[in-house]
């Protein structure tokens, strides 16, 4: 319909789907992934069950570094990386994760596509100078109206009083 789609964009979408599928499989189907979830939910209880929480924390940092490296590899040809570009990309990535609902891989992907489309429409209809502001404005609106994100649950956590 007249839209230009670059081959590298297809690589980004395909790699995203593969990484999300692998992470979902890892966390839901493997014993190690479930141990990582247990360690993040309640470290004391996980340690009482025999899970080495320090190892789980180290592996989670290694896993996040690996996912970040894959993301950097596939997006570098599109965004022409510079030394100061990471902060804005990180802010948009965090915004997509919050918008989709923290802890929901598929929600973050859908929210990332929504943020990208919104930026493109804003750049085409208003001005390219406002595209970053429009994405962050929508993020703020969603946080005010639905703090758990679009796909997050509406559970209310009670804080422990000491």
N, C-alpha and C. Protein backbone atom coordinates (compact mmCIF):
# COMPACT_ATOMS: atom_id res chain seq x y z
N UNK A 1 0.83 -1.21 0.00
CA UNK A 1 0.00 0.00 0.00
C UNK A 1 0.87 1.26 0.00
N UNK A 2 2.02 1.18 -0.63
CA UNK A 2 2.86 2.36 -0.76
C UNK A 2 3.86 2.55 0.36
N UNK A 3 3.86 1.69 1.36
CA UNK A 3 4.81 1.84 2.47
C UNK A 3 6.14 1.18 2.09
N UNK A 4 7.22 1.81 2.50
CA UNK A 4 8.55 1.26 2.24
C UNK A 4 8.96 0.39 3.42
N UNK A 5 9.23 -0.86 3.14
CA UNK A 5 9.69 -1.79 4.18
C UNK A 5 11.09 -2.27 3.79
N UNK A 6 12.05 -1.96 4.63
CA UNK A 6 13.43 -2.34 4.35
C UNK A 6 13.67 -3.78 4.79
N UNK A 7 14.55 -4.49 4.10
CA UNK A 7 14.83 -5.87 4.49
C UNK A 7 15.34 -6.00 5.93
N UNK A 8 16.10 -5.00 6.39
CA UNK A 8 16.61 -5.05 7.77
C UNK A 8 15.47 -4.98 8.78
N UNK A 9 14.39 -4.31 8.44
CA UNK A 9 13.23 -4.26 9.33
C UNK A 9 12.61 -5.65 9.48
N UNK A 10 12.60 -6.40 8.41
CA UNK A 10 12.11 -7.78 8.49
C UNK A 10 13.02 -8.63 9.35
N UNK A 11 14.33 -8.39 9.27
CA UNK A 11 15.27 -9.10 10.14
C UNK A 11 15.00 -8.77 11.61
N UNK A 12 14.73 -7.50 11.89
CA UNK A 12 14.44 -7.09 13.27
C UNK A 12 13.18 -7.77 13.78
N UNK A 13 12.14 -7.78 12.97
CA UNK A 13 10.88 -8.42 13.39
C UNK A 13 11.05 -9.92 13.58
N UNK A 14 11.75 -10.57 12.66
CA UNK A 14 11.96 -12.01 12.78
C UNK A 14 12.81 -12.36 13.99
N UNK A 15 13.88 -11.61 14.21
CA UNK A 15 14.73 -11.85 15.37
C UNK A 15 13.97 -11.60 16.66
N UNK A 16 13.14 -10.58 16.68
CA UNK A 16 12.33 -10.29 17.87
C UNK A 16 11.41 -11.46 18.19
N UNK A 17 10.74 -11.97 17.18
CA UNK A 17 9.83 -13.09 17.41
C UNK A 17 10.58 -14.34 17.89
N UNK A 18 11.75 -14.59 17.32
CA UNK A 18 12.54 -15.75 17.75
C UNK A 18 13.00 -15.59 19.20
N UNK A 19 13.51 -14.41 19.55
CA UNK A 19 13.98 -14.18 20.92
C UNK A 19 12.83 -14.28 21.92
N UNK A 20 11.68 -13.71 21.58
CA UNK A 20 10.53 -13.78 22.49
C UNK A 20 10.07 -15.23 22.66
N UNK A 21 10.04 -15.98 21.57
CA UNK A 21 9.65 -17.39 21.67
C UNK A 21 10.63 -18.17 22.54
N UNK A 22 11.94 -17.96 22.32
CA UNK A 22 12.94 -18.68 23.11
C UNK A 22 12.90 -18.30 24.59
N UNK A 23 12.70 -17.02 24.88
CA UNK A 23 12.61 -16.61 26.29
C UNK A 23 11.35 -17.17 26.95
N UNK A 24 10.25 -17.16 26.23
CA UNK A 24 9.02 -17.73 26.78
C UNK A 24 9.20 -19.22 27.05
N UNK A 25 9.78 -19.92 26.11
CA UNK A 25 10.05 -21.35 26.31
C UNK A 25 10.97 -21.57 27.50
N UNK A 26 12.03 -20.78 27.59
CA UNK A 26 12.99 -20.92 28.67
C UNK A 26 12.34 -20.71 30.04
N UNK A 27 11.56 -19.66 30.18
CA UNK A 27 10.98 -19.35 31.49
C UNK A 27 9.80 -20.25 31.86
N UNK A 28 9.07 -20.72 30.88
CA UNK A 28 7.87 -21.51 31.20
C UNK A 28 8.11 -23.02 31.18
N UNK A 29 9.09 -23.49 30.42
CA UNK A 29 9.24 -24.93 30.22
C UNK A 29 10.50 -25.55 30.83
N UNK A 30 11.48 -24.73 31.19
CA UNK A 30 12.69 -25.32 31.73
C UNK A 30 12.75 -25.15 33.24
N UNK A 31 13.41 -26.09 33.86
CA UNK A 31 13.55 -26.06 35.32
C UNK A 31 14.39 -24.85 35.76
N UNK A 32 15.42 -24.55 34.99
CA UNK A 32 16.29 -23.42 35.31
C UNK A 32 15.53 -22.10 35.18
N UNK A 33 14.71 -21.97 34.15
CA UNK A 33 13.91 -20.76 33.96
C UNK A 33 12.91 -20.56 35.09
N UNK A 34 12.29 -21.64 35.52
CA UNK A 34 11.35 -21.54 36.64
C UNK A 34 12.08 -21.19 37.93
N UNK A 35 13.30 -21.69 38.08
CA UNK A 35 14.09 -21.33 39.26
C UNK A 35 14.43 -19.84 39.25
N UNK A 36 14.68 -19.29 38.06
CA UNK A 36 14.95 -17.85 37.95
C UNK A 36 13.71 -17.04 38.33
N UNK A 37 12.55 -17.49 37.88
CA UNK A 37 11.31 -16.79 38.23
C UNK A 37 11.06 -16.87 39.73
N UNK A 38 11.28 -18.04 40.31
CA UNK A 38 11.09 -18.20 41.76
C UNK A 38 12.06 -17.30 42.52
N UNK A 39 13.28 -17.19 42.04
CA UNK A 39 14.27 -16.34 42.71
C UNK A 39 13.90 -14.87 42.62
N UNK A 40 13.29 -14.47 41.53
CA UNK A 40 12.91 -13.07 41.41
C UNK A 40 11.64 -12.76 42.21
N UNK A 41 10.73 -13.72 42.31
CA UNK A 41 9.50 -13.49 43.07
C UNK A 41 9.75 -13.45 44.56
N UNK A 42 10.47 -14.43 45.07
CA UNK A 42 10.71 -14.52 46.51
C UNK A 42 12.07 -15.18 46.74
N UNK A 43 13.13 -14.38 46.84
CA UNK A 43 14.47 -14.96 46.97
C UNK A 43 14.64 -15.82 48.22
N UNK A 44 14.02 -15.44 49.32
CA UNK A 44 14.17 -16.21 50.56
C UNK A 44 13.55 -17.60 50.42
N UNK A 45 12.34 -17.65 49.88
CA UNK A 45 11.67 -18.94 49.69
C UNK A 45 12.42 -19.80 48.68
N UNK A 46 12.93 -19.17 47.62
CA UNK A 46 13.69 -19.93 46.62
C UNK A 46 14.96 -20.51 47.24
N UNK A 47 15.61 -19.74 48.09
CA UNK A 47 16.82 -20.24 48.74
C UNK A 47 16.49 -21.39 49.70
N UNK A 48 15.35 -21.29 50.37
CA UNK A 48 14.94 -22.38 51.25
C UNK A 48 14.62 -23.65 50.47
N UNK A 49 14.25 -23.52 49.21
CA UNK A 49 13.95 -24.67 48.37
C UNK A 49 15.20 -25.23 47.69
N UNK A 50 16.36 -24.63 47.98
CA UNK A 50 17.61 -25.16 47.46
C UNK A 50 18.10 -24.49 46.18
N UNK A 51 17.51 -23.39 45.81
CA UNK A 51 17.93 -22.67 44.61
C UNK A 51 19.03 -21.68 44.99
N UNK A 52 20.11 -21.69 44.25
CA UNK A 52 21.19 -20.74 44.48
C UNK A 52 20.81 -19.39 43.86
N UNK A 53 20.35 -18.48 44.68
CA UNK A 53 19.81 -17.21 44.20
C UNK A 53 20.90 -16.36 43.56
N UNK A 54 22.11 -16.38 44.10
CA UNK A 54 23.20 -15.59 43.52
C UNK A 54 23.50 -16.04 42.10
N UNK A 55 23.45 -17.34 41.85
CA UNK A 55 23.67 -17.85 40.50
C UNK A 55 22.54 -17.40 39.57
N UNK A 56 21.33 -17.41 40.06
CA UNK A 56 20.19 -16.98 39.24
C UNK A 56 20.31 -15.50 38.87
N UNK A 57 20.77 -14.68 39.82
CA UNK A 57 20.95 -13.26 39.53
C UNK A 57 22.04 -13.07 38.48
N UNK A 58 23.15 -13.81 38.63
CA UNK A 58 24.24 -13.70 37.66
C UNK A 58 23.78 -14.15 36.27
N UNK A 59 23.05 -15.24 36.20
CA UNK A 59 22.56 -15.73 34.91
C UNK A 59 21.56 -14.75 34.29
N UNK A 60 20.74 -14.12 35.14
CA UNK A 60 19.78 -13.16 34.59
C UNK A 60 20.49 -11.95 33.98
N UNK A 61 21.57 -11.50 34.61
CA UNK A 61 22.35 -10.40 34.03
C UNK A 61 23.02 -10.83 32.73
N UNK A 62 23.55 -12.04 32.71
CA UNK A 62 24.17 -12.56 31.48
C UNK A 62 23.14 -12.69 30.36
N UNK A 63 21.96 -13.17 30.70
CA UNK A 63 20.89 -13.32 29.72
C UNK A 63 20.45 -11.97 29.18
N UNK A 64 20.34 -10.98 30.05
CA UNK A 64 19.93 -9.65 29.57
C UNK A 64 21.02 -9.04 28.69
N UNK A 65 22.29 -9.29 29.01
CA UNK A 65 23.38 -8.79 28.17
C UNK A 65 23.35 -9.46 26.79
N UNK A 66 23.03 -10.76 26.76
CA UNK A 66 22.96 -11.47 25.48
C UNK A 66 21.80 -10.95 24.63
N UNK A 67 20.66 -10.73 25.25
CA UNK A 67 19.51 -10.19 24.50
C UNK A 67 19.82 -8.78 24.01
N UNK A 68 20.48 -7.98 24.85
CA UNK A 68 20.88 -6.64 24.43
C UNK A 68 21.87 -6.66 23.28
N UNK A 69 22.80 -7.62 23.29
CA UNK A 69 23.76 -7.74 22.20
C UNK A 69 23.07 -8.11 20.89
N UNK A 70 22.13 -9.05 20.97
CA UNK A 70 21.38 -9.44 19.76
C UNK A 70 20.60 -8.24 19.24
N UNK A 71 19.97 -7.49 20.14
CA UNK A 71 19.21 -6.30 19.72
C UNK A 71 20.12 -5.27 19.07
N UNK A 72 21.29 -5.06 19.65
CA UNK A 72 22.23 -4.11 19.06
C UNK A 72 22.71 -4.53 17.68
N UNK A 73 22.92 -5.83 17.52
CA UNK A 73 23.39 -6.33 16.22
C UNK A 73 22.35 -6.12 15.13
N UNK A 74 21.07 -6.39 15.43
CA UNK A 74 20.07 -6.29 14.38
C UNK A 74 19.61 -4.85 14.14
N UNK A 75 19.75 -3.97 15.13
CA UNK A 75 19.25 -2.61 14.92
C UNK A 75 20.33 -1.64 14.44
N UNK A 76 21.59 -2.00 14.59
CA UNK A 76 22.68 -1.09 14.20
C UNK A 76 22.63 -0.66 12.74
N UNK A 77 22.32 -1.53 11.78
CA UNK A 77 22.26 -1.05 10.39
C UNK A 77 21.11 -0.07 10.12
N UNK A 78 20.07 -0.11 10.95
CA UNK A 78 18.93 0.79 10.74
C UNK A 78 19.18 2.15 11.37
N UNK A 79 19.65 2.16 12.62
CA UNK A 79 19.73 3.41 13.36
C UNK A 79 21.09 4.08 13.32
N UNK A 80 22.06 3.49 12.63
CA UNK A 80 23.39 4.08 12.50
C UNK A 80 23.89 4.54 13.86
N UNK A 81 24.32 3.60 14.65
CA UNK A 81 24.66 3.84 16.05
C UNK A 81 25.77 4.86 16.24
N UNK A 82 25.60 5.65 17.27
CA UNK A 82 26.59 6.62 17.72
C UNK A 82 26.80 6.40 19.20
N UNK A 83 27.77 7.05 19.77
CA UNK A 83 28.09 6.81 21.17
C UNK A 83 26.99 7.26 22.13
N UNK A 84 26.15 8.20 21.75
CA UNK A 84 25.13 8.72 22.66
C UNK A 84 23.70 8.31 22.30
N UNK A 85 23.54 7.36 21.42
CA UNK A 85 22.22 6.97 20.97
C UNK A 85 21.54 5.97 21.92
N UNK A 86 22.29 5.29 22.74
CA UNK A 86 21.75 4.23 23.59
C UNK A 86 20.73 4.69 24.60
N UNK A 87 20.88 5.88 25.14
CA UNK A 87 19.96 6.36 26.18
C UNK A 87 18.54 6.50 25.63
N UNK A 88 18.40 7.07 24.45
CA UNK A 88 17.07 7.24 23.87
C UNK A 88 16.46 5.89 23.49
N UNK A 89 17.26 5.00 22.92
CA UNK A 89 16.76 3.66 22.59
C UNK A 89 16.37 2.90 23.85
N UNK A 90 17.17 3.03 24.90
CA UNK A 90 16.85 2.38 26.17
C UNK A 90 15.57 2.93 26.77
N UNK A 91 15.38 4.24 26.67
CA UNK A 91 14.16 4.85 27.19
C UNK A 91 12.94 4.38 26.42
N UNK A 92 13.06 4.28 25.11
CA UNK A 92 11.94 3.78 24.31
C UNK A 92 11.67 2.31 24.59
N UNK A 93 12.72 1.52 24.76
CA UNK A 93 12.56 0.11 25.09
C UNK A 93 11.89 -0.08 26.44
N UNK A 94 12.32 0.69 27.42
CA UNK A 94 11.70 0.62 28.74
C UNK A 94 10.24 1.07 28.66
N UNK A 95 10.00 2.12 27.88
CA UNK A 95 8.63 2.59 27.70
C UNK A 95 7.74 1.53 27.07
N UNK A 96 8.27 0.80 26.10
CA UNK A 96 7.49 -0.27 25.47
C UNK A 96 7.24 -1.40 26.45
N UNK A 97 8.24 -1.71 27.27
CA UNK A 97 8.05 -2.78 28.27
C UNK A 97 6.99 -2.39 29.29
N UNK A 98 7.01 -1.15 29.75
CA UNK A 98 6.01 -0.69 30.72
C UNK A 98 4.64 -0.59 30.06
N UNK A 99 4.61 -0.09 28.85
CA UNK A 99 3.34 0.04 28.13
C UNK A 99 2.70 -1.32 27.89
N UNK A 100 3.50 -2.32 27.57
CA UNK A 100 2.97 -3.66 27.33
C UNK A 100 2.66 -4.41 28.61
N UNK A 101 3.24 -4.00 29.70
CA UNK A 101 3.05 -4.69 30.97
C UNK A 101 4.32 -5.41 31.33
N UNK A 102 4.95 -5.02 32.42
CA UNK A 102 6.22 -5.62 32.81
C UNK A 102 6.05 -7.11 33.03
N UNK A 103 6.96 -7.88 32.46
CA UNK A 103 6.90 -9.32 32.62
C UNK A 103 6.15 -10.04 31.51
N UNK A 104 5.63 -9.31 30.54
CA UNK A 104 4.90 -9.90 29.42
C UNK A 104 5.68 -9.63 28.14
N UNK A 105 6.35 -10.68 27.63
CA UNK A 105 7.17 -10.51 26.44
C UNK A 105 6.35 -10.06 25.24
N UNK A 106 5.23 -10.73 25.02
CA UNK A 106 4.42 -10.41 23.85
C UNK A 106 3.80 -9.02 23.97
N UNK A 107 3.44 -8.63 25.17
CA UNK A 107 2.91 -7.29 25.39
C UNK A 107 3.93 -6.22 25.06
N UNK A 108 5.20 -6.47 25.42
CA UNK A 108 6.25 -5.51 25.11
C UNK A 108 6.48 -5.40 23.61
N UNK A 109 6.37 -6.52 22.90
CA UNK A 109 6.54 -6.49 21.44
C UNK A 109 5.41 -5.71 20.79
N UNK A 110 4.17 -5.98 21.20
CA UNK A 110 3.02 -5.26 20.64
C UNK A 110 3.13 -3.78 20.97
N UNK A 111 3.50 -3.46 22.20
CA UNK A 111 3.65 -2.05 22.59
C UNK A 111 4.78 -1.38 21.82
N UNK A 112 5.86 -2.11 21.55
CA UNK A 112 6.95 -1.57 20.74
C UNK A 112 6.50 -1.23 19.33
N UNK A 113 5.70 -2.12 18.73
CA UNK A 113 5.15 -1.82 17.41
C UNK A 113 4.22 -0.61 17.47
N UNK A 114 3.43 -0.51 18.53
CA UNK A 114 2.53 0.64 18.67
C UNK A 114 3.32 1.94 18.80
N UNK A 115 4.39 1.92 19.59
CA UNK A 115 5.22 3.12 19.75
C UNK A 115 5.87 3.48 18.41
N UNK A 116 6.36 2.50 17.68
CA UNK A 116 6.97 2.77 16.39
C UNK A 116 5.98 3.34 15.38
N UNK A 117 4.79 2.77 15.33
CA UNK A 117 3.77 3.31 14.42
C UNK A 117 3.36 4.73 14.82
N UNK A 118 3.23 4.94 16.12
CA UNK A 118 2.85 6.28 16.58
C UNK A 118 3.93 7.30 16.23
N UNK A 119 5.18 6.93 16.39
CA UNK A 119 6.27 7.84 16.02
C UNK A 119 6.26 8.13 14.52
N UNK A 120 6.01 7.11 13.72
CA UNK A 120 5.98 7.31 12.27
C UNK A 120 4.83 8.21 11.86
N UNK A 121 3.65 7.98 12.44
CA UNK A 121 2.51 8.84 12.12
C UNK A 121 2.74 10.27 12.57
N UNK A 122 3.33 10.44 13.74
CA UNK A 122 3.61 11.79 14.24
C UNK A 122 4.63 12.49 13.35
N UNK A 123 5.66 11.75 12.92
CA UNK A 123 6.67 12.34 12.05
C UNK A 123 6.08 12.72 10.70
N UNK A 124 5.15 11.92 10.19
CA UNK A 124 4.56 12.21 8.90
C UNK A 124 3.47 13.26 8.94
N UNK A 125 2.70 13.30 10.02
CA UNK A 125 1.56 14.22 10.09
C UNK A 125 1.89 15.55 10.75
N UNK A 126 2.74 15.53 11.77
CA UNK A 126 3.03 16.78 12.50
C UNK A 126 4.42 17.27 12.12
N UNK A 127 5.43 16.68 12.76
CA UNK A 127 6.82 17.03 12.47
C UNK A 127 7.71 15.94 13.04
N UNK A 128 8.82 15.70 12.39
CA UNK A 128 9.72 14.65 12.87
C UNK A 128 10.38 15.05 14.19
N UNK A 129 10.38 16.32 14.51
CA UNK A 129 10.96 16.78 15.76
C UNK A 129 10.15 16.37 16.98
N UNK A 130 8.87 16.08 16.78
CA UNK A 130 7.99 15.75 17.90
C UNK A 130 7.75 14.25 18.07
N UNK A 131 8.38 13.42 17.23
CA UNK A 131 8.06 12.00 17.29
C UNK A 131 8.45 11.35 18.61
N UNK A 132 9.59 11.74 19.18
CA UNK A 132 10.00 11.16 20.47
C UNK A 132 9.08 11.65 21.59
N UNK A 133 8.68 12.90 21.53
CA UNK A 133 7.79 13.44 22.56
C UNK A 133 6.42 12.79 22.50
N UNK A 134 5.92 12.50 21.32
CA UNK A 134 4.60 11.87 21.20
C UNK A 134 4.59 10.48 21.82
N UNK A 135 5.65 9.72 21.58
CA UNK A 135 5.72 8.37 22.16
C UNK A 135 5.76 8.42 23.68
N UNK A 136 6.53 9.34 24.23
CA UNK A 136 6.61 9.45 25.68
C UNK A 136 5.33 10.02 26.28
N UNK A 137 4.63 10.87 25.55
CA UNK A 137 3.35 11.40 26.03
C UNK A 137 2.32 10.29 26.14
N UNK A 138 2.26 9.41 25.16
CA UNK A 138 1.33 8.29 25.23
C UNK A 138 1.71 7.35 26.36
N UNK A 139 3.00 7.14 26.57
CA UNK A 139 3.44 6.32 27.70
C UNK A 139 2.96 6.92 29.02
N UNK A 140 3.09 8.22 29.19
CA UNK A 140 2.62 8.86 30.42
C UNK A 140 1.10 8.72 30.58
N UNK A 141 0.36 8.87 29.49
CA UNK A 141 -1.09 8.72 29.57
C UNK A 141 -1.49 7.32 30.00
N UNK A 142 -0.82 6.32 29.43
CA UNK A 142 -1.14 4.94 29.80
C UNK A 142 -0.77 4.69 31.26
N UNK A 143 0.34 5.23 31.71
CA UNK A 143 0.73 5.04 33.11
C UNK A 143 -0.26 5.71 34.07
N UNK A 144 -0.84 6.82 33.67
CA UNK A 144 -1.84 7.46 34.51
C UNK A 144 -3.15 6.68 34.51
N UNK A 145 -3.55 6.19 33.35
CA UNK A 145 -4.85 5.52 33.24
C UNK A 145 -4.80 4.04 33.62
N UNK A 146 -3.72 3.37 33.28
CA UNK A 146 -3.59 1.94 33.58
C UNK A 146 -2.14 1.65 33.94
N UNK A 147 -1.77 1.82 35.20
CA UNK A 147 -0.36 1.70 35.61
C UNK A 147 0.25 0.32 35.36
N UNK A 148 -0.56 -0.71 35.26
CA UNK A 148 -0.01 -2.05 35.03
C UNK A 148 0.32 -2.29 33.56
N UNK A 149 0.04 -1.35 32.68
CA UNK A 149 0.31 -1.52 31.26
C UNK A 149 -0.91 -2.07 30.54
N UNK A 150 -0.81 -2.17 29.24
CA UNK A 150 -1.94 -2.62 28.44
C UNK A 150 -2.25 -4.10 28.65
N UNK A 151 -1.22 -4.93 28.83
CA UNK A 151 -1.42 -6.36 28.96
C UNK A 151 -1.16 -6.87 30.38
N UNK A 152 -0.84 -5.97 31.30
CA UNK A 152 -0.55 -6.37 32.67
C UNK A 152 -1.83 -6.65 33.45
N UNK A 153 -1.67 -7.41 34.52
CA UNK A 153 -2.82 -7.71 35.36
C UNK A 153 -3.09 -6.55 36.30
N UNK A 154 -4.29 -6.50 36.82
CA UNK A 154 -4.67 -5.40 37.69
C UNK A 154 -4.52 -5.77 39.16
N UNK A 155 -3.59 -6.69 39.46
CA UNK A 155 -3.36 -7.09 40.84
C UNK A 155 -2.86 -5.90 41.64
N UNK A 156 -3.27 -5.85 42.86
CA UNK A 156 -2.81 -4.81 43.76
C UNK A 156 -1.93 -5.48 44.80
N UNK A 157 -0.70 -5.01 44.86
CA UNK A 157 0.21 -5.58 45.84
C UNK A 157 0.15 -4.74 47.11
N UNK A 158 0.06 -5.41 48.23
CA UNK A 158 0.07 -4.71 49.51
C UNK A 158 1.50 -4.66 50.02
N UNK A 159 1.87 -3.52 50.50
CA UNK A 159 3.20 -3.37 51.06
C UNK A 159 3.21 -3.90 52.48
N UNK A 160 4.30 -4.57 52.82
CA UNK A 160 4.45 -5.05 54.19
C UNK A 160 4.84 -3.89 55.08
N UNK A 161 4.25 -3.86 56.23
CA UNK A 161 4.65 -2.84 57.20
C UNK A 161 5.56 -3.49 58.22
N UNK A 162 6.67 -2.87 58.46
CA UNK A 162 7.64 -3.43 59.40
C UNK A 162 7.51 -2.77 60.73
